[in-house]
């Protein structure tokens, strides 16, 4: 393990930024798609910087790149945080600016709180507070509605979507390289988190 010195009081170099991204990539997260309707357009952005904040009042936070249009859209009205399941990696890639996943499974696309079907759950939020987060904006929303179901979550770790091992995987034992990891899809391969993981996507009616 290589230690990188603290950067307090000075600008971060590009090399330090890369190393920091690599270090942060070792923290496994779930994956969400934040959706909203503004005017006649449906919008969605893949976000893995998501966390619960408070139960009373019920608050949840998403962090969006300051330069993305999604950051401005979230302040303009209600939005939905969709918690993706293991079988929805195509949607995660699609709403991160990747190839089309085919027909998007919109639910209530004509309302002001469109969400995605087939997810593990969703949180309908209304803007509550916005905070400066450096090159990101921290959006705290008050949860007005929510639902949760069953299933296995979509995970993001070091630039890939691994999946939780099943009993069948455990019985099969380690692979030829001795590893027991199960990698179901790769964005950039093991390494830094994609710098532009949060990206707008629009779907016209």
C-alpha atoms as a PDB file:
ATOM      1  CA  UNK A   1       0.000   0.000   0.000  1.00  0.00           C
ATOM      2  CA  UNK A   2       1.441   3.356  -1.047  1.00  0.00           C
ATOM      3  CA  UNK A   3       0.640   6.389   1.092  1.00  0.00           C
ATOM      4  CA  UNK A   4      -0.096   9.716  -0.590  1.00  0.00           C
ATOM      5  CA  UNK A   5       0.686  12.882   1.417  1.00  0.00           C
ATOM      6  CA  UNK A   6      -2.118  15.215   2.501  1.00  0.00           C
ATOM      7  CA  UNK A   7      -2.922  18.053   0.105  1.00  0.00           C
ATOM      8  CA  UNK A   8      -4.325  20.629   2.545  1.00  0.00           C
ATOM      9  CA  UNK A   9      -3.540  24.205   1.575  1.00  0.00           C
ATOM     10  CA  UNK A  10      -2.647  23.560  -2.055  1.00  0.00           C
ATOM     11  CA  UNK A  11      -4.228  22.450  -5.302  1.00  0.00           C
ATOM     12  CA  UNK A  12      -4.430  18.734  -6.007  1.00  0.00           C
ATOM     13  CA  UNK A  13      -2.225  17.590  -8.872  1.00  0.00           C
ATOM     14  CA  UNK A  14      -3.632  15.451 -11.685  1.00  0.00           C
ATOM     15  CA  UNK A  15      -1.598  12.494 -10.425  1.00  0.00           C
ATOM     16  CA  UNK A  16      -2.983  12.903  -6.905  1.00  0.00           C
ATOM     17  CA  UNK A  17      -6.513  13.140  -8.295  1.00  0.00           C
ATOM     18  CA  UNK A  18      -6.010   9.852 -10.152  1.00  0.00           C
ATOM     19  CA  UNK A  19      -4.644   8.179  -7.035  1.00  0.00           C
ATOM     20  CA  UNK A  20      -7.534   9.498  -4.961  1.00  0.00           C
ATOM     21  CA  UNK A  21     -10.057   8.164  -7.484  1.00  0.00           C
ATOM     22  CA  UNK A  22      -8.298   4.817  -7.341  1.00  0.00           C
ATOM     23  CA  UNK A  23      -8.407   4.800  -3.532  1.00  0.00           C
ATOM     24  CA  UNK A  24     -12.086   5.768  -3.434  1.00  0.00           C
ATOM     25  CA  UNK A  25     -12.820   3.053  -5.973  1.00  0.00           C
ATOM     26  CA  UNK A  26     -12.016   0.449  -3.320  1.00  0.00           C
ATOM     27  CA  UNK A  27     -15.247   1.372  -1.536  1.00  0.00           C
ATOM     28  CA  UNK A  28     -18.058  -0.751  -2.962  1.00  0.00           C
ATOM     29  CA  UNK A  29     -21.417   0.965  -3.474  1.00  0.00           C
ATOM     30  CA  UNK A  30     -24.838   0.286  -4.836  1.00  0.00           C
ATOM     31  CA  UNK A  31     -26.017   1.966  -8.032  1.00  0.00           C
ATOM     32  CA  UNK A  32     -28.966   4.310  -8.506  1.00  0.00           C
ATOM     33  CA  UNK A  33     -30.534   6.173 -11.387  1.00  0.00           C
ATOM     34  CA  UNK A  34     -32.007   9.555 -10.470  1.00  0.00           C
ATOM     35  CA  UNK A  35     -34.974  10.420 -12.695  1.00  0.00           C
ATOM     36  CA  UNK A  36     -37.167  13.477 -13.137  1.00  0.00           C
ATOM     37  CA  UNK A  37     -39.429  15.195 -15.614  1.00  0.00           C
ATOM     38  CA  UNK A  38     -38.820  18.781 -16.642  1.00  0.00           C
ATOM     39  CA  UNK A  39     -41.202  20.142 -19.239  1.00  0.00           C
ATOM     40  CA  UNK A  40     -41.768  17.554 -21.960  1.00  0.00           C
ATOM     41  CA  UNK A  41     -38.514  15.693 -21.296  1.00  0.00           C
ATOM     42  CA  UNK A  42     -37.718  12.738 -19.079  1.00  0.00           C
ATOM     43  CA  UNK A  43     -34.228  12.815 -17.564  1.00  0.00           C
ATOM     44  CA  UNK A  44     -32.076  10.250 -15.825  1.00  0.00           C
ATOM     45  CA  UNK A  45     -28.562  10.127 -14.394  1.00  0.00           C
ATOM     46  CA  UNK A  46     -26.632   7.143 -13.057  1.00  0.00           C
ATOM     47  CA  UNK A  47     -25.369   7.952  -9.563  1.00  0.00           C
ATOM     48  CA  UNK A  48     -23.385   5.823  -7.136  1.00  0.00           C
ATOM     49  CA  UNK A  49     -22.729   8.695  -4.701  1.00  0.00           C
ATOM     50  CA  UNK A  50     -25.936   8.178  -2.725  1.00  0.00           C
ATOM     51  CA  UNK A  51     -26.565   7.837   0.994  1.00  0.00           C
ATOM     52  CA  UNK A  52     -29.280   8.082   3.594  1.00  0.00           C
ATOM     53  CA  UNK A  53     -28.996  11.120   5.871  1.00  0.00           C
ATOM     54  CA  UNK A  54     -31.861  11.173   8.367  1.00  0.00           C
ATOM     55  CA  UNK A  55     -35.002   9.288   9.349  1.00  0.00           C
ATOM     56  CA  UNK A  56     -36.708  12.251  11.040  1.00  0.00           C
ATOM     57  CA  UNK A  57     -37.106  14.161   8.859  1.00  0.00           C
ATOM     58  CA  UNK A  58     -36.596  11.530   6.137  1.00  0.00           C
ATOM     59  CA  UNK A  59     -33.642  12.768   4.067  1.00  0.00           C
ATOM     60  CA  UNK A  60     -31.427  11.237   1.369  1.00  0.00           C
ATOM     61  CA  UNK A  61     -28.400  12.679  -0.433  1.00  0.00           C
ATOM     62  CA  UNK A  62     -27.026  12.359  -3.945  1.00  0.00           C
ATOM     63  CA  UNK A  63     -23.839  14.006  -5.197  1.00  0.00           C
ATOM     64  CA  UNK A  64     -23.729  15.243  -8.796  1.00  0.00           C
ATOM     65  CA  UNK A  65     -20.863  16.717 -10.765  1.00  0.00           C
ATOM     66  CA  UNK A  66     -21.168  20.488 -10.681  1.00  0.00           C
ATOM     67  CA  UNK A  67     -20.784  20.726 -14.462  1.00  0.00           C
ATOM     68  CA  UNK A  68     -23.562  18.261 -15.266  1.00  0.00           C
ATOM     69  CA  UNK A  69     -26.995  19.531 -16.235  1.00  0.00           C
ATOM     70  CA  UNK A  70     -28.448  16.980 -13.835  1.00  0.00           C
ATOM     71  CA  UNK A  71     -27.199  19.129 -10.951  1.00  0.00           C
ATOM     72  CA  UNK A  72     -29.372  22.049 -12.059  1.00  0.00           C
ATOM     73  CA  UNK A  73     -32.361  19.832 -12.813  1.00  0.00           C
ATOM     74  CA  UNK A  74     -32.558  18.416  -9.298  1.00  0.00           C
ATOM     75  CA  UNK A  75     -33.121  21.850  -7.777  1.00  0.00           C
ATOM     76  CA  UNK A  76     -36.083  22.532 -10.067  1.00  0.00           C
ATOM     77  CA  UNK A  77     -38.619  20.074  -8.659  1.00  0.00           C
ATOM     78  CA  UNK A  78     -39.280  16.546  -7.407  1.00  0.00           C
ATOM     79  CA  UNK A  79     -37.107  13.621  -8.465  1.00  0.00           C
ATOM     80  CA  UNK A  80     -36.897   9.876  -7.888  1.00  0.00           C
ATOM     81  CA  UNK A  81     -33.904   7.852  -6.697  1.00  0.00           C
ATOM     82  CA  UNK A  82     -34.232   4.389  -8.275  1.00  0.00           C
ATOM     83  CA  UNK A  83     -32.297   1.575  -6.548  1.00  0.00           C
ATOM     84  CA  UNK A  84     -31.071  -0.764  -9.276  1.00  0.00           C
ATOM     85  CA  UNK A  85     -31.126  -4.532  -9.090  1.00  0.00           C
ATOM     86  CA  UNK A  86     -28.401  -6.900 -10.247  1.00  0.00           C
ATOM     87  CA  UNK A  87     -30.112  -7.499 -13.593  1.00  0.00           C
ATOM     88  CA  UNK A  88     -30.298  -3.773 -14.441  1.00  0.00           C
ATOM     89  CA  UNK A  89     -26.666  -3.066 -15.293  1.00  0.00           C
ATOM     90  CA  UNK A  90     -27.692  -2.152 -18.864  1.00  0.00           C
ATOM     91  CA  UNK A  91     -29.798   0.688 -17.468  1.00  0.00           C
ATOM     92  CA  UNK A  92     -26.865   1.880 -15.351  1.00  0.00           C
ATOM     93  CA  UNK A  93     -24.610   1.984 -18.405  1.00  0.00           C
ATOM     94  CA  UNK A  94     -27.346   3.598 -20.524  1.00  0.00           C
ATOM     95  CA  UNK A  95     -27.966   6.454 -18.087  1.00  0.00           C
ATOM     96  CA  UNK A  96     -24.216   6.944 -17.666  1.00  0.00           C
ATOM     97  CA  UNK A  97     -24.015   7.879 -21.340  1.00  0.00           C
ATOM     98  CA  UNK A  98     -23.321   4.388 -22.663  1.00  0.00           C
ATOM     99  CA  UNK A  99     -25.093   2.366 -25.353  1.00  0.00           C
ATOM    100  CA  UNK A 100     -28.872   2.309 -25.438  1.00  0.00           C
ATOM    101  CA  UNK A 101     -30.501  -0.335 -23.293  1.00  0.00           C
ATOM    102  CA  UNK A 102     -33.511  -0.521 -25.597  1.00  0.00           C
ATOM    103  CA  UNK A 103     -36.871   0.630 -24.330  1.00  0.00           C
ATOM    104  CA  UNK A 104     -36.524   2.308 -20.939  1.00  0.00           C
ATOM    105  CA  UNK A 105     -39.078   0.838 -18.474  1.00  0.00           C
ATOM    106  CA  UNK A 106     -40.604   4.153 -17.424  1.00  0.00           C
ATOM    107  CA  UNK A 107     -43.376   4.101 -14.829  1.00  0.00           C
ATOM    108  CA  UNK A 108     -45.755   7.092 -14.754  1.00  0.00           C
ATOM    109  CA  UNK A 109     -43.825   8.965 -17.470  1.00  0.00           C
ATOM    110  CA  UNK A 110     -46.621  11.525 -17.839  1.00  0.00           C
ATOM    111  CA  UNK A 111     -46.384  12.686 -14.224  1.00  0.00           C
ATOM    112  CA  UNK A 112     -43.826  14.908 -12.519  1.00  0.00           C
ATOM    113  CA  UNK A 113     -42.229  11.947 -10.704  1.00  0.00           C
ATOM    114  CA  UNK A 114     -41.314   9.375 -13.361  1.00  0.00           C
ATOM    115  CA  UNK A 115     -39.468   6.308 -12.141  1.00  0.00           C
ATOM    116  CA  UNK A 116     -38.033   3.083 -13.517  1.00  0.00           C
ATOM    117  CA  UNK A 117     -39.782  -0.266 -13.339  1.00  0.00           C
ATOM    118  CA  UNK A 118     -38.213  -3.459 -12.030  1.00  0.00           C
ATOM    119  CA  UNK A 119     -35.991  -1.783  -9.429  1.00  0.00           C
ATOM    120  CA  UNK A 120     -35.323  -2.958  -5.879  1.00  0.00           C
ATOM    121  CA  UNK A 121     -37.006   0.174  -4.613  1.00  0.00           C
ATOM    122  CA  UNK A 122     -37.370   3.895  -5.120  1.00  0.00           C
ATOM    123  CA  UNK A 123     -37.457   7.134  -3.145  1.00  0.00           C
ATOM    124  CA  UNK A 124     -39.527  10.091  -4.317  1.00  0.00           C
ATOM    125  CA  UNK A 125     -37.756  13.230  -3.104  1.00  0.00           C
ATOM    126  CA  UNK A 126     -38.363  16.950  -3.073  1.00  0.00           C
ATOM    127  CA  UNK A 127     -35.382  19.358  -2.903  1.00  0.00           C
ATOM    128  CA  UNK A 128     -34.585  20.220   0.726  1.00  0.00           C
ATOM    129  CA  UNK A 129     -31.026  21.631   0.877  1.00  0.00           C
ATOM    130  CA  UNK A 130     -28.116  21.972  -1.555  1.00  0.00           C
ATOM    131  CA  UNK A 131     -24.508  22.201  -0.381  1.00  0.00           C
ATOM    132  CA  UNK A 132     -21.165  22.982  -1.994  1.00  0.00           C
ATOM    133  CA  UNK A 133     -19.140  19.820  -2.463  1.00  0.00           C
ATOM    134  CA  UNK A 134     -16.104  21.113  -4.351  1.00  0.00           C
ATOM    135  CA  UNK A 135     -16.393  19.885  -7.940  1.00  0.00           C
ATOM    136  CA  UNK A 136     -19.716  18.261  -6.971  1.00  0.00           C
ATOM    137  CA  UNK A 137     -23.000  19.558  -5.574  1.00  0.00           C
ATOM    138  CA  UNK A 138     -24.591  17.740  -2.648  1.00  0.00           C
ATOM    139  CA  UNK A 139     -28.350  17.494  -3.075  1.00  0.00           C
ATOM    140  CA  UNK A 140     -30.307  16.573   0.035  1.00  0.00           C
ATOM    141  CA  UNK A 141     -33.908  15.640  -0.703  1.00  0.00           C
ATOM    142  CA  UNK A 142     -36.814  15.096   1.646  1.00  0.00           C
ATOM    143  CA  UNK A 143     -38.334  11.678   1.000  1.00  0.00           C
ATOM    144  CA  UNK A 144     -42.067  12.030   0.337  1.00  0.00           C
ATOM    145  CA  UNK A 145     -42.812   8.498  -0.891  1.00  0.00           C
ATOM    146  CA  UNK A 146     -40.862   5.261  -1.003  1.00  0.00           C
ATOM    147  CA  UNK A 147     -41.205   1.589  -1.813  1.00  0.00           C
ATOM    148  CA  UNK A 148     -38.898  -1.409  -1.461  1.00  0.00           C
ATOM    149  CA  UNK A 149     -39.020  -4.949  -2.793  1.00  0.00           C
ATOM    150  CA  UNK A 150     -36.784  -7.986  -2.841  1.00  0.00           C
ATOM    151  CA  UNK A 151     -33.861  -8.986  -5.007  1.00  0.00           C
ATOM    152  CA  UNK A 152     -30.104  -8.658  -5.274  1.00  0.00           C
ATOM    153  CA  UNK A 153     -28.504  -5.211  -5.655  1.00  0.00           C
ATOM    154  CA  UNK A 154     -26.381  -3.953  -8.519  1.00  0.00           C
ATOM    155  CA  UNK A 155     -22.925  -3.226  -7.103  1.00  0.00           C
ATOM    156  CA  UNK A 156     -20.118  -0.949  -8.308  1.00  0.00           C
ATOM    157  CA  UNK A 157     -16.500  -1.582  -7.314  1.00  0.00           C
ATOM    158  CA  UNK A 158     -13.248  -0.376  -8.898  1.00  0.00           C
ATOM    159  CA  UNK A 159     -14.884   0.449 -12.207  1.00  0.00           C
ATOM    160  CA  UNK A 160     -16.830  -2.793 -12.603  1.00  0.00           C
ATOM    161  CA  UNK A 161     -20.202  -4.257 -11.679  1.00  0.00           C
ATOM    162  CA  UNK A 162     -19.443  -7.339  -9.557  1.00  0.00           C
ATOM    163  CA  UNK A 163     -22.255  -9.543  -8.330  1.00  0.00           C
ATOM    164  CA  UNK A 164     -22.808 -11.165  -4.985  1.00  0.00           C
ATOM    165  CA  UNK A 165     -21.823 -14.806  -4.864  1.00  0.00           C
ATOM    166  CA  UNK A 166     -24.648 -17.321  -4.835  1.00  0.00           C
ATOM    167  CA  UNK A 167     -24.636 -20.735  -3.173  1.00  0.00           C
ATOM    168  CA  UNK A 168     -24.025 -22.211  -6.625  1.00  0.00           C
ATOM    169  CA  UNK A 169     -20.948 -19.980  -7.049  1.00  0.00           C
ATOM    170  CA  UNK A 170     -19.612 -21.103  -3.686  1.00  0.00           C
ATOM    171  CA  UNK A 171     -20.078 -24.768  -4.576  1.00  0.00           C
ATOM    172  CA  UNK A 172     -18.226 -24.216  -7.857  1.00  0.00           C
ATOM    173  CA  UNK A 173     -15.171 -23.010  -5.946  1.00  0.00           C
ATOM    174  CA  UNK A 174     -12.436 -20.619  -7.132  1.00  0.00           C
ATOM    175  CA  UNK A 175     -11.659 -20.006 -10.787  1.00  0.00           C
ATOM    176  CA  UNK A 176      -8.459 -20.993 -12.630  1.00  0.00           C
ATOM    177  CA  UNK A 177      -6.641 -17.993 -11.160  1.00  0.00           C
ATOM    178  CA  UNK A 178      -7.703 -18.901  -7.623  1.00  0.00           C
ATOM    179  CA  UNK A 179     -10.109 -15.992  -7.432  1.00  0.00           C
ATOM    180  CA  UNK A 180     -13.658 -16.278  -6.141  1.00  0.00           C
ATOM    181  CA  UNK A 181     -14.718 -12.883  -7.508  1.00  0.00           C
ATOM    182  CA  UNK A 182     -17.593 -12.856  -9.966  1.00  0.00           C
ATOM    183  CA  UNK A 183     -17.434  -9.919 -12.418  1.00  0.00           C
ATOM    184  CA  UNK A 184     -20.597  -9.510 -14.451  1.00  0.00           C
ATOM    185  CA  UNK A 185     -19.770  -6.404 -16.480  1.00  0.00           C
ATOM    186  CA  UNK A 186     -16.919  -3.959 -16.836  1.00  0.00           C
ATOM    187  CA  UNK A 187     -16.968  -0.224 -17.544  1.00  0.00           C
ATOM    188  CA  UNK A 188     -13.275   0.591 -17.443  1.00  0.00           C
ATOM    189  CA  UNK A 189     -11.846  -2.541 -15.889  1.00  0.00           C
ATOM    190  CA  UNK A 190     -10.515  -2.677 -12.317  1.00  0.00           C
ATOM    191  CA  UNK A 191      -9.046   0.687 -11.433  1.00  0.00           C
ATOM    192  CA  UNK A 192     -10.247   4.279 -11.135  1.00  0.00           C
ATOM    193  CA  UNK A 193     -13.907   5.155 -10.996  1.00  0.00           C
ATOM    194  CA  UNK A 194     -15.029   6.774 -14.231  1.00  0.00           C
ATOM    195  CA  UNK A 195     -14.627  10.520 -13.890  1.00  0.00           C
ATOM    196  CA  UNK A 196     -17.891  11.182 -15.704  1.00  0.00           C
ATOM    197  CA  UNK A 197     -19.901   8.364 -14.157  1.00  0.00           C
ATOM    198  CA  UNK A 198     -22.801  10.799 -13.619  1.00  0.00           C
ATOM    199  CA  UNK A 199     -24.233  11.829 -16.975  1.00  0.00           C
ATOM    200  CA  UNK A 200     -27.502  13.204 -18.274  1.00  0.00           C
ATOM    201  CA  UNK A 201     -29.765  11.247 -20.544  1.00  0.00           C
ATOM    202  CA  UNK A 202     -32.983  12.541 -22.092  1.00  0.00           C
ATOM    203  CA  UNK A 203     -35.915  10.648 -23.570  1.00  0.00           C
ATOM    204  CA  UNK A 204     -38.540  12.517 -25.552  1.00  0.00           C
ATOM    205  CA  UNK A 205     -42.126  11.340 -25.323  1.00  0.00           C
END
